[in-house]
C-alpha atoms as a PDB file:
ATOM      1  CA  MET A   1       0.001  -0.207  -0.086  1.00  0.00           C
ATOM      2  CA  ILE A   2       1.263   3.567  -0.821  1.00  0.00           C
ATOM      3  CA  THR A   3       0.410   6.413   1.524  1.00  0.00           C
ATOM      4  CA  ARG A   4       1.112   9.995   0.614  1.00  0.00           C
ATOM      5  CA  LYS A   5       1.628  12.301   3.510  1.00  0.00           C
ATOM      6  CA  ILE A   6       2.381  16.070   3.274  1.00  0.00           C
ATOM      7  CA  GLU A   7       4.359  17.658   6.295  1.00  0.00           C
ATOM      8  CA  TRP A   8       5.955  21.011   6.232  1.00  0.00           C
ATOM      9  CA  GLU A   9       5.102  21.634   2.608  1.00  0.00           C
ATOM     10  CA  GLU A  10       7.062  18.550   1.631  1.00  0.00           C
ATOM     11  CA  GLN A  11       5.402  15.416   0.215  1.00  0.00           C
ATOM     12  CA  HIS A  12       6.529  12.068   1.747  1.00  0.00           C
ATOM     13  CA  ILE A  13       5.691   8.865   0.011  1.00  0.00           C
ATOM     14  CA  ILE A  14       5.495   5.863   2.513  1.00  0.00           C
ATOM     15  CA  GLU A  15       5.300   2.229   1.047  1.00  0.00           C
ATOM     16  CA  HIS A  16       4.632  -0.779   3.360  1.00  0.00           C
ATOM     17  CA  GLU A  17       3.654  -4.275   2.525  1.00  0.00           C
ATOM     18  CA  SER A  18       0.094  -5.129   3.201  1.00  0.00           C
ATOM     19  CA  PHE A  19      -2.369  -8.030   2.549  1.00  0.00           C
ATOM     20  CA  LEU A  20      -5.864  -8.207   1.398  1.00  0.00           C
ATOM     21  CA  HIS A  21      -7.603 -10.929   3.517  1.00  0.00           C
ATOM     22  CA  LEU A  22     -10.622 -12.698   1.932  1.00  0.00           C
ATOM     23  CA  TYR A  23     -13.466 -13.830   4.409  1.00  0.00           C
ATOM     24  CA  PRO A  24     -16.884 -14.932   3.857  1.00  0.00           C
ATOM     25  CA  GLN A  25     -18.383 -11.427   4.341  1.00  0.00           C
ATOM     26  CA  LYS A  26     -15.789  -8.923   3.591  1.00  0.00           C
ATOM     27  CA  LEU A  27     -12.144  -8.068   2.539  1.00  0.00           C
ATOM     28  CA  THR A  28      -9.809  -6.436   5.027  1.00  0.00           C
ATOM     29  CA  ASP A  29      -6.385  -5.140   5.120  1.00  0.00           C
ATOM     30  CA  ASP A  30      -4.112  -3.767   7.926  1.00  0.00           C
ATOM     31  CA  SER A  31      -6.536  -0.873   8.574  1.00  0.00           C
ATOM     32  CA  ASN A  32      -9.778  -1.243   6.605  1.00  0.00           C
ATOM     33  CA  GLU A  33     -12.633  -3.507   6.309  1.00  0.00           C
ATOM     34  CA  PHE A  34     -14.720  -3.751   3.224  1.00  0.00           C
ATOM     35  CA  TYR A  35     -18.011  -5.598   3.529  1.00  0.00           C
ATOM     36  CA  PHE A  36     -19.112  -6.889   0.026  1.00  0.00           C
ATOM     37  CA  HIS A  37     -22.107  -4.785   0.276  1.00  0.00           C
ATOM     38  CA  GLU A  38     -19.813  -1.800   0.138  1.00  0.00           C
ATOM     39  CA  ILE A  39     -17.714  -2.742  -2.771  1.00  0.00           C
ATOM     40  CA  LEU A  40     -18.757  -1.227  -5.934  1.00  0.00           C
ATOM     41  CA  ASP A  41     -16.122  -2.600  -8.229  1.00  0.00           C
ATOM     42  CA  LEU A  42     -12.642  -4.102  -8.448  1.00  0.00           C
ATOM     43  CA  SER A  43     -10.227  -3.059 -11.207  1.00  0.00           C
ATOM     44  CA  TYR A  44      -6.589  -3.646 -12.167  1.00  0.00           C
ATOM     45  CA  LYS A  45      -4.377  -1.610 -14.130  1.00  0.00           C
ATOM     46  CA  GLU A  46      -0.925  -3.099 -15.435  1.00  0.00           C
ATOM     47  CA  SER A  47       2.076  -1.282 -15.289  1.00  0.00           C
ATOM     48  CA  MET A  48       5.469  -1.385 -17.218  1.00  0.00           C
ATOM     49  CA  ARG A  49       7.193  -1.898 -14.246  1.00  0.00           C
ATOM     50  CA  SER A  50       7.217  -5.133 -12.009  1.00  0.00           C
ATOM     51  CA  PHE A  51       3.941  -4.409 -10.438  1.00  0.00           C
ATOM     52  CA  GLY A  52       0.337  -3.253 -11.115  1.00  0.00           C
ATOM     53  CA  LEU A  53      -2.401  -1.724  -9.242  1.00  0.00           C
ATOM     54  CA  LEU A  54      -5.493  -3.168  -7.845  1.00  0.00           C
ATOM     55  CA  TYR A  55      -8.355  -0.773  -7.197  1.00  0.00           C
ATOM     56  CA  VAL A  56     -11.206  -1.487  -4.605  1.00  0.00           C
ATOM     57  CA  HIS A  57     -13.811   0.996  -5.284  1.00  0.00           C
ATOM     58  CA  THR A  58     -16.027   1.122  -2.346  1.00  0.00           C
ATOM     59  CA  THR A  59     -18.775   3.499  -0.809  1.00  0.00           C
ATOM     60  CA  LYS A  60     -15.890   4.590   1.520  1.00  0.00           C
ATOM     61  CA  GLY A  61     -13.780   5.931  -1.387  1.00  0.00           C
ATOM     62  CA  LEU A  62     -11.261   4.497  -3.721  1.00  0.00           C
ATOM     63  CA  PHE A  63      -8.450   2.254  -2.270  1.00  0.00           C
ATOM     64  CA  PRO A  64      -5.270   1.398  -4.549  1.00  0.00           C
ATOM     65  CA  TYR A  65      -3.167  -1.632  -3.774  1.00  0.00           C
ATOM     66  CA  LYS A  66       0.321  -2.186  -5.729  1.00  0.00           C
ATOM     67  CA  VAL A  67       0.645  -5.709  -6.563  1.00  0.00           C
ATOM     68  CA  ARG A  68       3.261  -8.022  -8.054  1.00  0.00           C
ATOM     69  CA  GLU A  69       1.112 -10.540  -9.788  1.00  0.00           C
ATOM     70  CA  ASN A  70      -2.146 -10.181 -12.000  1.00  0.00           C
ATOM     71  CA  PRO A  71      -4.985 -10.363  -9.430  1.00  0.00           C
ATOM     72  CA  ILE A  72      -7.617 -11.355 -12.157  1.00  0.00           C
ATOM     73  CA  ALA A  73      -8.423 -14.617 -10.193  1.00  0.00           C
ATOM     74  CA  PHE A  74      -8.845 -12.760  -6.693  1.00  0.00           C
ATOM     75  CA  ILE A  75     -11.063 -10.252  -8.514  1.00  0.00           C
ATOM     76  CA  ARG A  76     -13.231 -12.905 -10.082  1.00  0.00           C
ATOM     77  CA  ILE A  77     -13.625 -14.567  -6.609  1.00  0.00           C
ATOM     78  CA  VAL A  78     -14.548 -11.381  -5.025  1.00  0.00           C
ATOM     79  CA  GLU A  79     -17.148 -10.384  -7.894  1.00  0.00           C
ATOM     80  CA  GLU A  80     -18.692 -13.850  -7.558  1.00  0.00           C
ATOM     81  CA  LYS A  81     -19.158 -13.218  -3.617  1.00  0.00           C
ATOM     82  CA  ILE A  82     -20.629  -9.829  -4.290  1.00  0.00           C
ATOM     83  CA  ARG A  83     -23.175 -11.402  -6.800  1.00  0.00           C
ATOM     84  CA  GLU A  84     -24.029 -14.206  -4.118  1.00  0.00           C
ATOM     85  CA  MET A  85     -24.776 -11.508  -1.523  1.00  0.00           C
ATOM     86  CA  LYS A  86     -27.065  -9.653  -4.003  1.00  0.00           C
ATOM     87  CA  GLY A  87     -29.057 -12.827  -4.432  1.00  0.00           C
END
């Protein structure tokens, strides 16, 4: 996860490793919980570098995650769980 912080008119970019955990009703990371009914969409943008960006679009906002591997299988599982929740 990448965090941007501005202190004394300087921007600091802080990068730390974080994991998304998939549970029967939600996704979580170190500091956020996203229940499936709050998730609007998941998307992935591949980068020319050695990583891509997974975007979790929620009713709380947009949460980007830097990923090393293509998360398409993960996205499909989450989308299926969201469809199941909607009936």
